[in-house]
């Protein structure tokens, strides 16, 4: 294979060499970075393996540590993006300042929503309509009336 045998996306083209099976996979830093990025974007192992032109067992064998950190990869990506925007904003880029403020607001909203969920409050829960509110009010009123009638009946028996 010569230096120019690459496909549209920069992956080496595998030409038949007369041997059976695929050539051995070589894990490059570029493929490691691609795996980290795709994991951070929430891709499945099947999709990542297809993007790297490897089987799933090969993916797990060579990129185990990248796949194993699935829960933190998105946070690492967001932190990196935040730092890039902060550096540009700190250098005086007005567009980056605006984007940084949007990212901070989004982060604050995410934190607030997590705190509300922890308290058992769901901001996306549907609010009851007038009909449901009236039904609940009448049901509770009926319960109060029944309780009062029962209480009066019990006190009348005692006298």
C-alpha atoms as a PDB file:
ATOM      1  CA  UNK A   1       0.000   0.000   0.000  1.00  0.00           C
ATOM      2  CA  UNK A   2       1.430   3.373  -0.969  1.00  0.00           C
ATOM      3  CA  UNK A   3       1.089   6.627   0.969  1.00  0.00           C
ATOM      4  CA  UNK A   4      -1.770   7.791  -1.267  1.00  0.00           C
ATOM      5  CA  UNK A   5      -4.147   4.860  -0.707  1.00  0.00           C
ATOM      6  CA  UNK A   6      -6.727   6.567   1.503  1.00  0.00           C
ATOM      7  CA  UNK A   7     -10.481   6.793   1.156  1.00  0.00           C
ATOM      8  CA  UNK A   8     -12.637   9.917   1.268  1.00  0.00           C
ATOM      9  CA  UNK A   9     -12.475  10.126   5.084  1.00  0.00           C
ATOM     10  CA  UNK A  10      -8.726   9.568   5.390  1.00  0.00           C
ATOM     11  CA  UNK A  11      -8.896   5.902   6.366  1.00  0.00           C
ATOM     12  CA  UNK A  12      -6.363   3.610   4.699  1.00  0.00           C
ATOM     13  CA  UNK A  13      -7.728   1.554   1.828  1.00  0.00           C
ATOM     14  CA  UNK A  14      -7.202  -2.166   2.373  1.00  0.00           C
ATOM     15  CA  UNK A  15      -6.217  -3.786  -0.839  1.00  0.00           C
ATOM     16  CA  UNK A  16      -6.299  -7.554  -1.228  1.00  0.00           C
ATOM     17  CA  UNK A  17      -2.820  -8.887  -0.532  1.00  0.00           C
ATOM     18  CA  UNK A  18      -3.415 -12.521  -1.376  1.00  0.00           C
ATOM     19  CA  UNK A  19      -3.733 -13.471   2.307  1.00  0.00           C
ATOM     20  CA  UNK A  20      -6.877 -14.693   3.984  1.00  0.00           C
ATOM     21  CA  UNK A  21      -8.746 -12.458   6.459  1.00  0.00           C
ATOM     22  CA  UNK A  22      -8.287  -8.852   7.341  1.00  0.00           C
ATOM     23  CA  UNK A  23      -4.912  -7.379   8.082  1.00  0.00           C
ATOM     24  CA  UNK A  24      -4.206  -6.811  11.781  1.00  0.00           C
ATOM     25  CA  UNK A  25      -5.730  -3.610  13.136  1.00  0.00           C
ATOM     26  CA  UNK A  26      -3.330  -0.930  14.314  1.00  0.00           C
ATOM     27  CA  UNK A  27      -4.750   1.331  17.025  1.00  0.00           C
ATOM     28  CA  UNK A  28      -3.621   4.874  16.233  1.00  0.00           C
ATOM     29  CA  UNK A  29      -4.009   7.953  18.408  1.00  0.00           C
ATOM     30  CA  UNK A  30      -6.302   9.404  15.751  1.00  0.00           C
ATOM     31  CA  UNK A  31      -8.581   6.361  16.029  1.00  0.00           C
ATOM     32  CA  UNK A  32      -8.455   6.613  19.840  1.00  0.00           C
ATOM     33  CA  UNK A  33      -9.513  10.261  19.618  1.00  0.00           C
ATOM     34  CA  UNK A  34     -12.254   9.372  17.131  1.00  0.00           C
ATOM     35  CA  UNK A  35     -13.503   6.658  19.501  1.00  0.00           C
ATOM     36  CA  UNK A  36     -13.535   9.091  22.441  1.00  0.00           C
ATOM     37  CA  UNK A  37     -15.471  11.639  20.374  1.00  0.00           C
ATOM     38  CA  UNK A  38     -18.035   9.093  19.175  1.00  0.00           C
ATOM     39  CA  UNK A  39     -18.510   7.691  22.684  1.00  0.00           C
ATOM     40  CA  UNK A  40     -19.007  11.264  23.937  1.00  0.00           C
ATOM     41  CA  UNK A  41     -21.675  11.762  21.284  1.00  0.00           C
ATOM     42  CA  UNK A  42     -23.537   8.686  22.572  1.00  0.00           C
ATOM     43  CA  UNK A  43     -22.827   6.326  19.675  1.00  0.00           C
ATOM     44  CA  UNK A  44     -23.277   2.602  20.230  1.00  0.00           C
ATOM     45  CA  UNK A  45     -20.327   0.211  20.016  1.00  0.00           C
ATOM     46  CA  UNK A  46     -21.806  -1.181  16.800  1.00  0.00           C
ATOM     47  CA  UNK A  47     -21.806   2.256  15.134  1.00  0.00           C
ATOM     48  CA  UNK A  48     -18.316   3.101  16.388  1.00  0.00           C
ATOM     49  CA  UNK A  49     -16.940  -0.203  15.090  1.00  0.00           C
ATOM     50  CA  UNK A  50     -18.506   0.474  11.694  1.00  0.00           C
ATOM     51  CA  UNK A  51     -17.010   3.978  11.612  1.00  0.00           C
ATOM     52  CA  UNK A  52     -13.547   2.575  12.355  1.00  0.00           C
ATOM     53  CA  UNK A  53     -13.964  -0.341   9.896  1.00  0.00           C
ATOM     54  CA  UNK A  54     -13.390  -2.944  12.621  1.00  0.00           C
ATOM     55  CA  UNK A  55     -15.474  -5.647  14.243  1.00  0.00           C
ATOM     56  CA  UNK A  56     -16.979  -5.120  17.676  1.00  0.00           C
ATOM     57  CA  UNK A  57     -14.576  -7.582  19.348  1.00  0.00           C
ATOM     58  CA  UNK A  58     -11.646  -5.697  17.762  1.00  0.00           C
ATOM     59  CA  UNK A  59     -13.119  -2.422  18.976  1.00  0.00           C
ATOM     60  CA  UNK A  60     -13.423  -3.753  22.530  1.00  0.00           C
ATOM     61  CA  UNK A  61      -9.922  -5.234  22.388  1.00  0.00           C
ATOM     62  CA  UNK A  62      -8.031  -2.140  21.224  1.00  0.00           C
ATOM     63  CA  UNK A  63     -10.231   0.654  22.610  1.00  0.00           C
ATOM     64  CA  UNK A  64     -11.343  -0.869  25.911  1.00  0.00           C
ATOM     65  CA  UNK A  65     -10.250   2.067  28.079  1.00  0.00           C
ATOM     66  CA  UNK A  66     -11.970   4.617  25.831  1.00  0.00           C
ATOM     67  CA  UNK A  67     -15.214   2.601  25.847  1.00  0.00           C
ATOM     68  CA  UNK A  68     -14.962   1.911  29.576  1.00  0.00           C
ATOM     69  CA  UNK A  69     -15.038   5.635  30.364  1.00  0.00           C
ATOM     70  CA  UNK A  70     -18.388   6.062  28.557  1.00  0.00           C
ATOM     71  CA  UNK A  71     -20.025   7.926  31.451  1.00  0.00           C
ATOM     72  CA  UNK A  72     -17.378  10.652  31.639  1.00  0.00           C
ATOM     73  CA  UNK A  73     -16.565  11.167  27.954  1.00  0.00           C
ATOM     74  CA  UNK A  74     -19.458  13.604  27.381  1.00  0.00           C
ATOM     75  CA  UNK A  75     -18.412  15.641  30.401  1.00  0.00           C
ATOM     76  CA  UNK A  76     -14.836  15.709  29.120  1.00  0.00           C
ATOM     77  CA  UNK A  77     -16.055  16.892  25.705  1.00  0.00           C
ATOM     78  CA  UNK A  78     -18.204  19.635  27.237  1.00  0.00           C
ATOM     79  CA  UNK A  79     -15.313  20.752  29.462  1.00  0.00           C
ATOM     80  CA  UNK A  80     -12.979  20.944  26.465  1.00  0.00           C
ATOM     81  CA  UNK A  81     -15.511  22.950  24.447  1.00  0.00           C
ATOM     82  CA  UNK A  82     -16.016  25.308  27.367  1.00  0.00           C
ATOM     83  CA  UNK A  83     -12.266  25.882  27.691  1.00  0.00           C
ATOM     84  CA  UNK A  84     -11.839  26.584  23.966  1.00  0.00           C
ATOM     85  CA  UNK A  85     -14.656  29.135  24.038  1.00  0.00           C
ATOM     86  CA  UNK A  86     -13.334  30.687  27.270  1.00  0.00           C
ATOM     87  CA  UNK A  87      -9.865  31.159  25.781  1.00  0.00           C
ATOM     88  CA  UNK A  88     -11.344  32.867  22.716  1.00  0.00           C
ATOM     89  CA  UNK A  89     -13.602  35.057  24.900  1.00  0.00           C
ATOM     90  CA  UNK A  90     -10.694  35.956  27.175  1.00  0.00           C
ATOM     91  CA  UNK A  91      -8.730  37.044  24.086  1.00  0.00           C
ATOM     92  CA  UNK A  92     -11.526  39.517  23.281  1.00  0.00           C
ATOM     93  CA  UNK A  93     -13.629  37.612  20.750  1.00  0.00           C
ATOM     94  CA  UNK A  94     -17.134  39.074  21.189  1.00  0.00           C
ATOM     95  CA  UNK A  95     -18.876  36.124  19.533  1.00  0.00           C
ATOM     96  CA  UNK A  96     -17.045  33.759  21.864  1.00  0.00           C
ATOM     97  CA  UNK A  97     -18.134  35.887  24.843  1.00  0.00           C
ATOM     98  CA  UNK A  98     -21.747  35.557  23.758  1.00  0.00           C
ATOM     99  CA  UNK A  99     -21.362  31.808  23.211  1.00  0.00           C
ATOM    100  CA  UNK A 100     -19.651  31.418  26.592  1.00  0.00           C
ATOM    101  CA  UNK A 101     -22.574  33.186  28.295  1.00  0.00           C
ATOM    102  CA  UNK A 102     -25.020  30.850  26.525  1.00  0.00           C
ATOM    103  CA  UNK A 103     -23.027  27.833  27.646  1.00  0.00           C
ATOM    104  CA  UNK A 104     -22.981  29.088  31.249  1.00  0.00           C
ATOM    105  CA  UNK A 105     -26.752  29.697  31.189  1.00  0.00           C
ATOM    106  CA  UNK A 106     -27.339  26.212  29.775  1.00  0.00           C
ATOM    107  CA  UNK A 107     -25.126  24.722  32.490  1.00  0.00           C
ATOM    108  CA  UNK A 108     -26.968  26.675  35.221  1.00  0.00           C
ATOM    109  CA  UNK A 109     -30.312  25.458  33.866  1.00  0.00           C
ATOM    110  CA  UNK A 110     -29.044  21.878  33.856  1.00  0.00           C
ATOM    111  CA  UNK A 111     -27.906  22.189  37.493  1.00  0.00           C
ATOM    112  CA  UNK A 112     -31.242  23.701  38.551  1.00  0.00           C
ATOM    113  CA  UNK A 113     -33.192  20.930  36.821  1.00  0.00           C
ATOM    114  CA  UNK A 114     -31.036  18.295  38.551  1.00  0.00           C
ATOM    115  CA  UNK A 115     -31.725  19.935  41.923  1.00  0.00           C
ATOM    116  CA  UNK A 116     -35.471  19.987  41.212  1.00  0.00           C
ATOM    117  CA  UNK A 117     -35.417  16.310  40.206  1.00  0.00           C
ATOM    118  CA  UNK A 118     -33.561  15.503  43.434  1.00  0.00           C
ATOM    119  CA  UNK A 119     -36.398  17.180  45.363  1.00  0.00           C
ATOM    120  CA  UNK A 120     -38.970  15.212  43.384  1.00  0.00           C
ATOM    121  CA  UNK A 121     -40.170  18.177  41.324  1.00  0.00           C
ATOM    122  CA  UNK A 122     -40.499  17.566  37.600  1.00  0.00           C
ATOM    123  CA  UNK A 123     -40.698  20.801  35.608  1.00  0.00           C
ATOM    124  CA  UNK A 124     -41.858  18.849  32.550  1.00  0.00           C
ATOM    125  CA  UNK A 125     -44.748  17.205  34.385  1.00  0.00           C
ATOM    126  CA  UNK A 126     -48.067  18.171  32.816  1.00  0.00           C
ATOM    127  CA  UNK A 127     -50.011  20.717  34.812  1.00  0.00           C
ATOM    128  CA  UNK A 128     -53.589  19.670  35.670  1.00  0.00           C
ATOM    129  CA  UNK A 129     -56.355  21.331  33.712  1.00  0.00           C
ATOM    130  CA  UNK A 130     -59.357  23.152  35.160  1.00  0.00           C
ATOM    131  CA  UNK A 131     -61.555  20.081  34.942  1.00  0.00           C
ATOM    132  CA  UNK A 132     -59.072  17.920  36.863  1.00  0.00           C
ATOM    133  CA  UNK A 133     -58.525  20.636  39.504  1.00  0.00           C
ATOM    134  CA  UNK A 134     -62.294  20.986  39.985  1.00  0.00           C
ATOM    135  CA  UNK A 135     -62.737  17.205  40.267  1.00  0.00           C
ATOM    136  CA  UNK A 136     -59.978  16.971  42.869  1.00  0.00           C
ATOM    137  CA  UNK A 137     -61.458  19.925  44.793  1.00  0.00           C
ATOM    138  CA  UNK A 138     -64.935  18.380  44.778  1.00  0.00           C
ATOM    139  CA  UNK A 139     -63.558  15.005  45.851  1.00  0.00           C
ATOM    140  CA  UNK A 140     -61.699  16.575  48.759  1.00  0.00           C
ATOM    141  CA  UNK A 141     -64.816  18.609  49.651  1.00  0.00           C
ATOM    142  CA  UNK A 142     -66.893  15.420  49.668  1.00  0.00           C
ATOM    143  CA  UNK A 143     -64.326  13.755  51.937  1.00  0.00           C
ATOM    144  CA  UNK A 144     -64.443  16.729  54.340  1.00  0.00           C
ATOM    145  CA  UNK A 145     -68.269  16.636  54.401  1.00  0.00           C
ATOM    146  CA  UNK A 146     -68.290  12.877  55.022  1.00  0.00           C
ATOM    147  CA  UNK A 147     -65.743  13.279  57.812  1.00  0.00           C
ATOM    148  CA  UNK A 148     -67.818  16.079  59.416  1.00  0.00           C
ATOM    149  CA  UNK A 149     -71.037  14.055  59.155  1.00  0.00           C
ATOM    150  CA  UNK A 150     -69.306  11.016  60.679  1.00  0.00           C
ATOM    151  CA  UNK A 151     -67.898  13.158  63.482  1.00  0.00           C
ATOM    152  CA  UNK A 152     -71.304  14.697  64.224  1.00  0.00           C
ATOM    153  CA  UNK A 153     -72.949  11.267  64.165  1.00  0.00           C
ATOM    154  CA  UNK A 154     -70.392   9.903  66.604  1.00  0.00           C
ATOM    155  CA  UNK A 155     -70.802  12.858  68.953  1.00  0.00           C
ATOM    156  CA  UNK A 156     -74.615  12.533  68.778  1.00  0.00           C
ATOM    157  CA  UNK A 157     -74.371   8.854  69.802  1.00  0.00           C
ATOM    158  CA  UNK A 158     -72.279   9.738  72.798  1.00  0.00           C
ATOM    159  CA  UNK A 159     -74.902  12.191  74.152  1.00  0.00           C
END
